[in-house]
C-alpha atoms as a PDB file:
ATOM      1  CA  MET A   1       0.185  -0.164   0.251  1.00  0.00           C
ATOM      2  CA  LEU A   2       1.349   3.283  -1.005  1.00  0.00           C
ATOM      3  CA  LYS A   3       2.155   5.467   2.013  1.00  0.00           C
ATOM      4  CA  THR A   4      -0.113   8.369   1.470  1.00  0.00           C
ATOM      5  CA  ASN A   5      -1.622  11.085   4.249  1.00  0.00           C
ATOM      6  CA  LYS A   6      -0.956  14.613   3.520  1.00  0.00           C
ATOM      7  CA  ILE A   7      -3.262  15.632   0.704  1.00  0.00           C
ATOM      8  CA  GLU A   8      -7.327  14.712   1.545  1.00  0.00           C
ATOM      9  CA  ILE A   9      -8.627  12.478  -1.520  1.00  0.00           C
ATOM     10  CA  PRO A  10     -12.279  11.485  -1.289  1.00  0.00           C
ATOM     11  CA  GLU A  11     -12.924   8.236  -0.684  1.00  0.00           C
ATOM     12  CA  LYS A  12     -16.596   7.793  -0.546  1.00  0.00           C
ATOM     13  CA  PHE A  13     -19.046   9.055  -3.226  1.00  0.00           C
ATOM     14  CA  LEU A  14     -22.760   9.465  -2.872  1.00  0.00           C
ATOM     15  CA  LEU A  15     -24.807   9.527  -6.075  1.00  0.00           C
ATOM     16  CA  GLY A  16     -23.912  12.726  -7.954  1.00  0.00           C
ATOM     17  CA  GLN A  17     -20.802  13.312  -5.742  1.00  0.00           C
ATOM     18  CA  GLU A  18     -18.559  12.997  -9.235  1.00  0.00           C
ATOM     19  CA  TRP A  19     -19.568   9.126  -9.382  1.00  0.00           C
ATOM     20  CA  ILE A  20     -22.165   7.361 -10.573  1.00  0.00           C
ATOM     21  CA  TYR A  21     -22.249   3.442  -9.332  1.00  0.00           C
ATOM     22  CA  ILE A  22     -24.569   1.252 -10.765  1.00  0.00           C
ATOM     23  CA  LYS A  23     -24.853  -2.843 -10.375  1.00  0.00           C
ATOM     24  CA  ILE A  24     -27.106  -4.403 -13.349  1.00  0.00           C
ATOM     25  CA  TYR A  25     -28.180  -8.228 -12.458  1.00  0.00           C
ATOM     26  CA  SER A  26     -28.637 -10.920 -15.639  1.00  0.00           C
ATOM     27  CA  GLY A  27     -27.124 -13.747 -17.487  1.00  0.00           C
ATOM     28  CA  GLN A  28     -23.631 -13.660 -18.328  1.00  0.00           C
ATOM     29  CA  ILE A  29     -24.226 -13.888 -22.023  1.00  0.00           C
ATOM     30  CA  THR A  30     -26.912 -11.067 -21.778  1.00  0.00           C
ATOM     31  CA  LEU A  31     -24.699  -8.778 -19.713  1.00  0.00           C
ATOM     32  CA  ASP A  32     -21.744  -9.289 -22.092  1.00  0.00           C
ATOM     33  CA  LYS A  33     -23.625  -8.656 -25.249  1.00  0.00           C
ATOM     34  CA  PHE A  34     -24.819  -5.458 -23.494  1.00  0.00           C
ATOM     35  CA  LEU A  35     -21.499  -4.572 -22.582  1.00  0.00           C
ATOM     36  CA  CYS A  36     -20.094  -4.468 -25.656  1.00  0.00           C
ATOM     37  CA  THR A  37     -23.393  -3.124 -27.819  1.00  0.00           C
ATOM     38  CA  GLU A  38     -25.693  -0.591 -25.891  1.00  0.00           C
ATOM     39  CA  LEU A  39     -23.272   0.103 -22.921  1.00  0.00           C
ATOM     40  CA  LEU A  40     -20.146   0.951 -25.468  1.00  0.00           C
ATOM     41  CA  GLU A  41     -21.842   3.095 -27.661  1.00  0.00           C
ATOM     42  CA  MET A  42     -23.174   5.204 -24.987  1.00  0.00           C
ATOM     43  CA  VAL A  43     -19.695   5.872 -23.385  1.00  0.00           C
ATOM     44  CA  TYR A  44     -18.564   6.897 -26.535  1.00  0.00           C
ATOM     45  CA  GLU A  45     -21.487   9.152 -26.916  1.00  0.00           C
ATOM     46  CA  ILE A  46     -21.510  10.578 -23.259  1.00  0.00           C
ATOM     47  CA  SER A  47     -17.369  10.851 -23.222  1.00  0.00           C
ATOM     48  CA  HIS A  48     -17.305  12.562 -26.799  1.00  0.00           C
ATOM     49  CA  ASN A  49     -19.779  15.230 -25.163  1.00  0.00           C
ATOM     50  CA  LYS A  50     -17.481  15.639 -22.298  1.00  0.00           C
ATOM     51  CA  LEU A  51     -20.340  14.152 -19.614  1.00  0.00           C
ATOM     52  CA  ILE A  52     -17.753  11.955 -17.887  1.00  0.00           C
ATOM     53  CA  ASP A  53     -14.256  11.412 -17.970  1.00  0.00           C
ATOM     54  CA  LYS A  54     -13.656   7.992 -16.745  1.00  0.00           C
ATOM     55  CA  PHE A  55     -15.832   4.722 -16.898  1.00  0.00           C
ATOM     56  CA  PHE A  56     -14.943   1.095 -15.995  1.00  0.00           C
ATOM     57  CA  PHE A  57     -16.525  -2.037 -15.190  1.00  0.00           C
ATOM     58  CA  ILE A  58     -16.143  -5.196 -13.227  1.00  0.00           C
ATOM     59  CA  ARG A  59     -18.269  -8.746 -13.450  1.00  0.00           C
ATOM     60  CA  TYR A  60     -19.423  -9.472  -9.963  1.00  0.00           C
ATOM     61  CA  LYS A  61     -21.295 -12.684  -8.154  1.00  0.00           C
ATOM     62  CA  ASP A  62     -22.775 -11.865  -4.397  1.00  0.00           C
ATOM     63  CA  PRO A  63     -24.041 -14.773  -5.046  1.00  0.00           C
ATOM     64  CA  GLU A  64     -25.967 -13.476  -8.273  1.00  0.00           C
ATOM     65  CA  TYR A  65     -24.209 -12.772 -11.300  1.00  0.00           C
ATOM     66  CA  HIS A  66     -23.908  -8.873 -12.206  1.00  0.00           C
ATOM     67  CA  ILE A  67     -21.945  -5.917 -13.518  1.00  0.00           C
ATOM     68  CA  ARG A  68     -20.910  -3.115 -11.740  1.00  0.00           C
ATOM     69  CA  LEU A  69     -20.501  -0.040 -13.488  1.00  0.00           C
ATOM     70  CA  ARG A  70     -18.980   3.458 -12.683  1.00  0.00           C
ATOM     71  CA  PHE A  71     -18.845   6.515 -14.698  1.00  0.00           C
ATOM     72  CA  HIS A  72     -16.944   9.847 -13.584  1.00  0.00           C
ATOM     73  CA  LEU A  73     -18.813  13.332 -14.019  1.00  0.00           C
ATOM     74  CA  THR A  74     -16.975  15.927 -15.714  1.00  0.00           C
ATOM     75  CA  ALA A  75     -19.169  18.385 -13.713  1.00  0.00           C
ATOM     76  CA  GLN A  76     -22.030  17.837 -10.937  1.00  0.00           C
ATOM     77  CA  GLN A  77     -24.659  19.507 -12.975  1.00  0.00           C
ATOM     78  CA  HIS A  78     -24.321  16.605 -15.842  1.00  0.00           C
ATOM     79  CA  LEU A  79     -25.393  14.050 -13.120  1.00  0.00           C
ATOM     80  CA  ASN A  80     -29.026  14.337 -14.845  1.00  0.00           C
ATOM     81  CA  LYS A  81     -28.019  13.973 -18.182  1.00  0.00           C
ATOM     82  CA  VAL A  82     -26.236  10.844 -17.740  1.00  0.00           C
ATOM     83  CA  MET A  83     -28.533   9.396 -15.879  1.00  0.00           C
ATOM     84  CA  ASP A  84     -30.824  10.079 -18.727  1.00  0.00           C
ATOM     85  CA  LYS A  85     -28.564   8.169 -20.965  1.00  0.00           C
ATOM     86  CA  ILE A  86     -28.245   5.335 -18.522  1.00  0.00           C
ATOM     87  CA  ASN A  87     -32.061   4.847 -18.056  1.00  0.00           C
ATOM     88  CA  ARG A  88     -32.401   4.853 -22.037  1.00  0.00           C
ATOM     89  CA  ILE A  89     -30.638   1.591 -22.591  1.00  0.00           C
ATOM     90  CA  ILE A  90     -31.717  -0.176 -19.541  1.00  0.00           C
ATOM     91  CA  SER A  91     -35.384   0.699 -18.681  1.00  0.00           C
ATOM     92  CA  SER A  92     -36.719  -1.474 -21.496  1.00  0.00           C
ATOM     93  CA  LYS A  93     -34.745  -4.520 -20.435  1.00  0.00           C
ATOM     94  CA  VAL A  94     -35.897  -3.606 -16.994  1.00  0.00           C
ATOM     95  CA  THR A  95     -39.438  -3.708 -17.908  1.00  0.00           C
ATOM     96  CA  ASP A  96     -39.064  -6.856 -20.020  1.00  0.00           C
ATOM     97  CA  LYS A  97     -37.175  -8.420 -17.209  1.00  0.00           C
ATOM     98  CA  VAL A  98     -33.950  -9.128 -18.990  1.00  0.00           C
ATOM     99  CA  PHE A  99     -32.129  -7.467 -16.234  1.00  0.00           C
ATOM    100  CA  TRP A 100     -33.881  -8.718 -13.045  1.00  0.00           C
ATOM    101  CA  LYS A 101     -32.580  -5.807 -10.826  1.00  0.00           C
ATOM    102  CA  VAL A 102     -30.824  -2.374 -11.215  1.00  0.00           C
ATOM    103  CA  ALA A 103     -29.363  -0.545  -7.887  1.00  0.00           C
ATOM    104  CA  ILE A 104     -27.649   2.308  -7.490  1.00  0.00           C
ATOM    105  CA  GLU A 105     -25.112   2.782  -4.648  1.00  0.00           C
ATOM    106  CA  PRO A 106     -22.473   4.936  -3.141  1.00  0.00           C
ATOM    107  CA  TYR A 107     -18.789   4.359  -4.895  1.00  0.00           C
ATOM    108  CA  GLU A 108     -16.453   3.653  -2.369  1.00  0.00           C
ATOM    109  CA  ARG A 109     -12.869   3.660  -3.710  1.00  0.00           C
ATOM    110  CA  GLU A 110     -10.283   1.089  -2.563  1.00  0.00           C
ATOM    111  CA  MET A 111      -7.574   3.052  -0.963  1.00  0.00           C
ATOM    112  CA  ASP A 112      -6.044   0.406   0.879  1.00  0.00           C
ATOM    113  CA  ARG A 113      -5.549  -1.534  -2.334  1.00  0.00           C
ATOM    114  CA  TYR A 114      -4.212   0.880  -4.594  1.00  0.00           C
ATOM    115  CA  GLY A 115      -3.239   3.822  -2.387  1.00  0.00           C
ATOM    116  CA  ARG A 116      -4.462   7.189  -1.858  1.00  0.00           C
ATOM    117  CA  TYR A 117      -2.268   9.047  -4.360  1.00  0.00           C
ATOM    118  CA  SER A 118      -2.248   6.576  -7.025  1.00  0.00           C
ATOM    119  CA  ILE A 119      -6.059   5.890  -6.880  1.00  0.00           C
ATOM    120  CA  ASN A 120      -6.736   8.422 -10.265  1.00  0.00           C
ATOM    121  CA  LEU A 121      -3.943   7.357 -12.114  1.00  0.00           C
ATOM    122  CA  VAL A 122      -5.486   3.633 -11.319  1.00  0.00           C
ATOM    123  CA  GLU A 123      -9.265   4.446 -12.393  1.00  0.00           C
ATOM    124  CA  GLN A 124      -7.771   5.967 -15.564  1.00  0.00           C
ATOM    125  CA  ILE A 125      -6.321   2.820 -16.138  1.00  0.00           C
ATOM    126  CA  PHE A 126      -9.496   1.215 -15.400  1.00  0.00           C
ATOM    127  CA  HIS A 127     -11.182   3.297 -17.779  1.00  0.00           C
ATOM    128  CA  ASN A 128      -9.204   2.736 -20.328  1.00  0.00           C
ATOM    129  CA  ASP A 129      -8.760  -1.096 -20.095  1.00  0.00           C
ATOM    130  CA  SER A 130     -12.560  -1.289 -19.948  1.00  0.00           C
ATOM    131  CA  VAL A 131     -12.941   0.417 -23.326  1.00  0.00           C
ATOM    132  CA  ASN A 132     -10.458  -1.568 -25.101  1.00  0.00           C
ATOM    133  CA  CYS A 133     -11.644  -5.094 -23.550  1.00  0.00           C
ATOM    134  CA  LEU A 134     -15.337  -4.050 -24.697  1.00  0.00           C
ATOM    135  CA  GLU A 135     -13.616  -3.484 -28.307  1.00  0.00           C
ATOM    136  CA  VAL A 136     -12.166  -6.703 -28.263  1.00  0.00           C
ATOM    137  CA  ILE A 137     -15.068  -8.697 -26.975  1.00  0.00           C
ATOM    138  CA  LYS A 138     -17.167  -7.099 -29.657  1.00  0.00           C
ATOM    139  CA  ASN A 139     -14.422  -7.524 -32.354  1.00  0.00           C
ATOM    140  CA  GLN A 140     -13.040 -10.888 -31.853  1.00  0.00           C
ATOM    141  CA  ASN A 141     -14.247 -14.894 -30.612  1.00  0.00           C
ATOM    142  CA  PHE A 142     -13.941 -16.091 -27.376  1.00  0.00           C
ATOM    143  CA  ASN A 143     -10.451 -18.206 -27.986  1.00  0.00           C
ATOM    144  CA  ILE A 144      -8.792 -14.848 -28.795  1.00  0.00           C
ATOM    145  CA  ARG A 145      -9.327 -13.279 -25.109  1.00  0.00           C
ATOM    146  CA  TRP A 146      -7.160 -15.270 -23.611  1.00  0.00           C
ATOM    147  CA  LEU A 147      -4.430 -14.828 -25.916  1.00  0.00           C
ATOM    148  CA  PHE A 148      -5.229 -11.342 -25.761  1.00  0.00           C
ATOM    149  CA  SER A 149      -4.565 -11.520 -21.930  1.00  0.00           C
ATOM    150  CA  ILE A 150      -1.685 -13.141 -22.026  1.00  0.00           C
ATOM    151  CA  GLU A 151      -0.427  -9.978 -24.472  1.00  0.00           C
ATOM    152  CA  ILE A 152      -1.801  -7.733 -21.929  1.00  0.00           C
ATOM    153  CA  CYS A 153       0.024  -9.143 -18.879  1.00  0.00           C
ATOM    154  CA  ASP A 154       3.406  -8.919 -20.826  1.00  0.00           C
ATOM    155  CA  PHE A 155       2.423  -5.154 -21.723  1.00  0.00           C
ATOM    156  CA  PHE A 156       1.778  -4.183 -18.124  1.00  0.00           C
ATOM    157  CA  PHE A 157       5.263  -6.190 -16.950  1.00  0.00           C
ATOM    158  CA  ASN A 158       7.184  -4.231 -19.761  1.00  0.00           C
ATOM    159  CA  ASN A 159       5.641  -0.972 -18.566  1.00  0.00           C
ATOM    160  CA  PHE A 160       6.491  -1.543 -15.075  1.00  0.00           C
ATOM    161  CA  ASN A 161       9.799  -2.239 -15.831  1.00  0.00           C
ATOM    162  CA  PHE A 162      10.309  -5.711 -15.200  1.00  0.00           C
ATOM    163  CA  ASN A 163      12.623  -7.897 -16.757  1.00  0.00           C
ATOM    164  CA  ILE A 164      12.383 -11.627 -17.633  1.00  0.00           C
ATOM    165  CA  GLU A 165      13.561 -12.724 -14.532  1.00  0.00           C
ATOM    166  CA  GLN A 166      11.208 -10.357 -12.695  1.00  0.00           C
ATOM    167  CA  LYS A 167       8.517 -11.503 -14.702  1.00  0.00           C
ATOM    168  CA  ILE A 168       9.225 -15.256 -13.897  1.00  0.00           C
ATOM    169  CA  LEU A 169       9.197 -14.447 -10.155  1.00  0.00           C
ATOM    170  CA  PHE A 170       5.963 -12.733 -10.619  1.00  0.00           C
ATOM    171  CA  CYS A 171       4.169 -15.365 -12.238  1.00  0.00           C
ATOM    172  CA  ARG A 172       5.505 -18.158  -9.667  1.00  0.00           C
ATOM    173  CA  LYS A 173       4.376 -15.884  -6.612  1.00  0.00           C
ATOM    174  CA  THR A 174       1.069 -15.387  -8.220  1.00  0.00           C
ATOM    175  CA  ILE A 175       0.528 -19.301  -8.708  1.00  0.00           C
ATOM    176  CA  VAL A 176       1.416 -19.821  -5.187  1.00  0.00           C
ATOM    177  CA  SER A 177      -0.721 -17.703  -3.890  1.00  0.00           C
ATOM    178  CA  PHE A 178      -4.019 -19.151  -6.088  1.00  0.00           C
ATOM    179  CA  GLN A 179      -2.967 -22.471  -4.614  1.00  0.00           C
ATOM    180  CA  GLU A 180      -4.690 -21.934  -1.484  1.00  0.00           C
ATOM    181  CA  ASP A 181      -7.694 -22.205  -3.489  1.00  0.00           C
ATOM    182  CA  TYR A 182      -6.783 -24.545  -6.378  1.00  0.00           C
ATOM    183  CA  GLN A 183      -4.563 -27.535  -5.436  1.00  0.00           C
ATOM    184  CA  LEU A 184      -2.064 -28.278  -8.046  1.00  0.00           C
ATOM    185  CA  ASP A 185      -2.004 -31.740  -7.868  1.00  0.00           C
ATOM    186  CA  LYS A 186      -0.123 -34.174  -9.989  1.00  0.00           C
ATOM    187  CA  SER A 187      -2.969 -34.864 -12.444  1.00  0.00           C
ATOM    188  CA  THR A 188      -3.838 -31.324 -12.635  1.00  0.00           C
ATOM    189  CA  LYS A 189      -0.495 -30.493 -13.517  1.00  0.00           C
ATOM    190  CA  ILE A 190      -0.507 -33.079 -16.091  1.00  0.00           C
ATOM    191  CA  ALA A 191      -3.447 -32.010 -17.803  1.00  0.00           C
ATOM    192  CA  LEU A 192      -2.119 -28.210 -17.833  1.00  0.00           C
ATOM    193  CA  ASP A 193       1.266 -29.189 -19.367  1.00  0.00           C
ATOM    194  CA  ILE A 194      -0.284 -30.989 -22.036  1.00  0.00           C
ATOM    195  CA  LYS A 195      -2.727 -27.945 -22.718  1.00  0.00           C
ATOM    196  CA  TYR A 196       0.394 -25.786 -22.773  1.00  0.00           C
ATOM    197  CA  ARG A 197       2.109 -27.963 -25.134  1.00  0.00           C
ATOM    198  CA  LYS A 198      -1.184 -27.588 -27.741  1.00  0.00           C
ATOM    199  CA  TYR A 199      -0.565 -23.699 -27.669  1.00  0.00           C
ATOM    200  CA  GLU A 200       2.888 -23.327 -26.662  1.00  0.00           C
ATOM    201  CA  SER A 201       4.064 -21.591 -30.099  1.00  0.00           C
ATOM    202  CA  ASP A 202       0.818 -19.151 -29.583  1.00  0.00           C
ATOM    203  CA  ILE A 203       1.823 -18.115 -26.027  1.00  0.00           C
ATOM    204  CA  THR A 204       5.520 -17.873 -27.170  1.00  0.00           C
ATOM    205  CA  LYS A 205       4.821 -15.600 -30.145  1.00  0.00           C
ATOM    206  CA  ALA A 206       2.227 -13.857 -28.168  1.00  0.00           C
ATOM    207  CA  LEU A 207       5.247 -13.117 -25.564  1.00  0.00           C
ATOM    208  CA  THR A 208       8.048 -12.537 -28.170  1.00  0.00           C
ATOM    209  CA  SER A 209       6.668 -10.973 -31.451  1.00  0.00           C
ATOM    210  CA  PRO A 210       6.467  -7.310 -31.775  1.00  0.00           C
ATOM    211  CA  GLU A 211       2.946  -5.697 -30.398  1.00  0.00           C
ATOM    212  CA  SER A 212       0.177  -6.871 -32.498  1.00  0.00           C
ATOM    213  CA  LEU A 213      -2.529  -4.326 -33.749  1.00  0.00           C
ATOM    214  CA  LEU A 214      -4.455  -5.210 -30.537  1.00  0.00           C
ATOM    215  CA  ILE A 215      -2.023  -4.761 -28.463  1.00  0.00           C
ATOM    216  CA  GLU A 216      -1.026  -0.823 -30.289  1.00  0.00           C
ATOM    217  CA  ASN A 217      -4.486  -0.168 -29.968  1.00  0.00           C
ATOM    218  CA  TYR A 218      -4.631  -1.140 -26.116  1.00  0.00           C
ATOM    219  CA  ALA A 219      -1.598   0.953 -25.658  1.00  0.00           C
ATOM    220  CA  LYS A 220      -2.501   4.334 -27.163  1.00  0.00           C
ATOM    221  CA  ASN A 221      -4.083   5.879 -23.929  1.00  0.00           C
ATOM    222  CA  ILE A 222      -2.734   3.592 -21.193  1.00  0.00           C
ATOM    223  CA  LYS A 223       0.805   3.749 -21.667  1.00  0.00           C
ATOM    224  CA  GLU A 224       1.094   7.832 -19.896  1.00  0.00           C
ATOM    225  CA  PRO A 225      -1.074   6.761 -16.663  1.00  0.00           C
ATOM    226  CA  CYS A 226       1.138   3.505 -16.537  1.00  0.00           C
ATOM    227  CA  PHE A 227       4.183   5.649 -16.681  1.00  0.00           C
ATOM    228  CA  LYS A 228       3.133   8.562 -14.081  1.00  0.00           C
ATOM    229  CA  LEU A 229       1.779   5.479 -11.712  1.00  0.00           C
ATOM    230  CA  ASN A 230       5.149   4.084 -11.690  1.00  0.00           C
ATOM    231  CA  GLY A 231       7.061   7.665 -10.698  1.00  0.00           C
ATOM    232  CA  LEU A 232       4.087   7.779  -8.160  1.00  0.00           C
ATOM    233  CA  ILE A 233       5.295   4.324  -6.609  1.00  0.00           C
ATOM    234  CA  ASP A 234       9.124   5.285  -6.945  1.00  0.00           C
ATOM    235  CA  PHE A 235       8.158   8.087  -5.068  1.00  0.00           C
ATOM    236  CA  TYR A 236       6.285   6.734  -2.003  1.00  0.00           C
ATOM    237  CA  ASP A 237       6.437   2.757  -1.790  1.00  0.00           C
ATOM    238  CA  LYS A 238       8.667   0.905  -4.244  1.00  0.00           C
ATOM    239  CA  GLY A 239       7.470  -2.110  -2.418  1.00  0.00           C
ATOM    240  CA  SER A 240       3.930  -1.541  -3.386  1.00  0.00           C
ATOM    241  CA  ARG A 241       4.494  -2.440  -6.893  1.00  0.00           C
ATOM    242  CA  ALA A 242       3.905  -5.638  -7.068  1.00  0.00           C
ATOM    243  CA  SER A 243       0.728  -6.089  -5.313  1.00  0.00           C
ATOM    244  CA  ILE A 244      -1.062  -2.692  -7.372  1.00  0.00           C
ATOM    245  CA  LEU A 245       0.360  -4.363 -10.318  1.00  0.00           C
ATOM    246  CA  ALA A 246      -1.316  -7.941  -9.646  1.00  0.00           C
ATOM    247  CA  SER A 247      -4.580  -6.220  -8.662  1.00  0.00           C
ATOM    248  CA  ILE A 248      -4.814  -4.226 -11.863  1.00  0.00           C
ATOM    249  CA  ILE A 249      -4.125  -7.285 -13.974  1.00  0.00           C
ATOM    250  CA  HIS A 250      -6.494  -9.142 -11.887  1.00  0.00           C
ATOM    251  CA  MET A 251      -9.438  -6.446 -12.928  1.00  0.00           C
ATOM    252  CA  HIS A 252      -8.129  -6.807 -16.594  1.00  0.00           C
ATOM    253  CA  PHE A 253      -8.775 -10.648 -16.480  1.00  0.00           C
ATOM    254  CA  ASN A 254     -12.071 -10.087 -14.545  1.00  0.00           C
ATOM    255  CA  ARG A 255     -13.441  -7.666 -17.389  1.00  0.00           C
ATOM    256  CA  LEU A 256     -11.972  -9.919 -20.700  1.00  0.00           C
ATOM    257  CA  LEU A 257     -13.096 -12.987 -19.240  1.00  0.00           C
ATOM    258  CA  ILE A 258     -16.605 -13.847 -19.033  1.00  0.00           C
ATOM    259  CA  SER A 259     -16.972 -16.200 -16.368  1.00  0.00           C
ATOM    260  CA  ASP A 260     -14.685 -18.410 -14.245  1.00  0.00           C
ATOM    261  CA  GLN A 261     -12.149 -15.767 -14.150  1.00  0.00           C
ATOM    262  CA  ARG A 262     -10.233 -16.998 -11.260  1.00  0.00           C
ATOM    263  CA  ILE A 263      -9.386 -20.350 -12.184  1.00  0.00           C
ATOM    264  CA  LYS A 264      -8.959 -19.290 -16.000  1.00  0.00           C
ATOM    265  CA  GLU A 265      -6.362 -16.439 -14.478  1.00  0.00           C
ATOM    266  CA  PHE A 266      -4.732 -19.025 -12.690  1.00  0.00           C
ATOM    267  CA  ILE A 267      -4.182 -21.107 -15.702  1.00  0.00           C
ATOM    268  CA  ILE A 268      -2.938 -18.072 -17.743  1.00  0.00           C
ATOM    269  CA  TYR A 269      -0.416 -17.265 -14.991  1.00  0.00           C
ATOM    270  CA  TYR A 270       0.718 -21.054 -15.255  1.00  0.00           C
ATOM    271  CA  PHE A 271       1.145 -21.010 -18.719  1.00  0.00           C
ATOM    272  CA  MET A 272       3.121 -17.691 -18.722  1.00  0.00           C
ATOM    273  CA  GLU A 273       5.295 -18.694 -16.159  1.00  0.00           C
ATOM    274  CA  LYS A 274       6.225 -21.845 -18.336  1.00  0.00           C
ATOM    275  CA  ALA A 275       6.696 -19.509 -21.250  1.00  0.00           C
ATOM    276  CA  TYR A 276       8.972 -16.980 -19.338  1.00  0.00           C
ATOM    277  CA  SER A 277      11.104 -19.944 -18.176  1.00  0.00           C
ATOM    278  CA  SER A 278      11.533 -21.284 -21.469  1.00  0.00           C
ATOM    279  CA  ILE A 279      12.179 -18.103 -23.316  1.00  0.00           C
ATOM    280  CA  SER A 280      14.815 -17.368 -20.452  1.00  0.00           C
ATOM    281  CA  ALA A 281      16.672 -20.472 -20.812  1.00  0.00           C
ATOM    282  CA  ARG A 282      16.981 -19.962 -24.567  1.00  0.00           C
ATOM    283  CA  LYS A 283      18.161 -16.726 -23.920  1.00  0.00           C
ATOM    284  CA  LYS A 284      21.017 -17.843 -21.722  1.00  0.00           C
ATOM    285  CA  ILE A 285      21.953 -20.875 -23.908  1.00  0.00           C
ATOM    286  CA  HIS A 286      22.170 -18.529 -26.934  1.00  0.00           C
ATOM    287  CA  GLU A 287      24.542 -15.709 -24.518  1.00  0.00           C
ATOM    288  CA  ARG A 288      26.899 -18.747 -23.559  1.00  0.00           C
ATOM    289  CA  GLN A 289      27.340 -19.835 -27.104  1.00  0.00           C
ATOM    290  CA  THR A 290      28.299 -16.307 -28.101  1.00  0.00           C
ATOM    291  CA  ILE A 291      30.985 -15.996 -25.440  1.00  0.00           C
END
């Protein structure tokens, strides 16, 4: 956690106090389609009209499946306009019981998780990640999502200045943390290794090839807040870098993967650790041969 206590930065917002926070309950496929069609179009519209400057979403179960939407108003007087836009795209779905529950709640920032000084930049990263994930969901099939997530993880590692050994260590620590919930027994490891070998070339390509067009589009508006966030972490608490990065990547998985995000996140880290280790080993062999 970043050590911050000098500047008063708001932590909780009631409706209209900068943020709108809405929960929408429905089926997974229904909400996935809604996110990348009506909602995304509305986000582009109200962003273009400067009614909001940030939006992000997450998927959740409590225990019913739902999405959580946050909109940051550019001015408090835009509240009614934005709420009217939101009502237009959800009212008929509520009437038809496509959405069986909609709730408006106060937005409470996770200061302990992301740090007081860094929260604005984290929210900016969440905005860009949300919009880009919805573009991928809209335009790509399900099989592309997990490979895109591997590229995104590597993008974040690079933008947080991780070398190959730091990437391996990060993946290994994350895998260990997941094993509290998912035991990596012998049969599971064999199954994962078989699956890894099936996709090894695709995974290695995702981690070693020049940035794909998807990543280029993703990076356009997200490199700058990453750079600034790195600077804040360096200034206040370098020890928080890995935990903040892990949370940012975790939220990315949550947005892009429609269901069972946690187990899929575990599998992706398992695949990435194996790929990074192979890349590192080949690099060391090459270096020895060229001495």
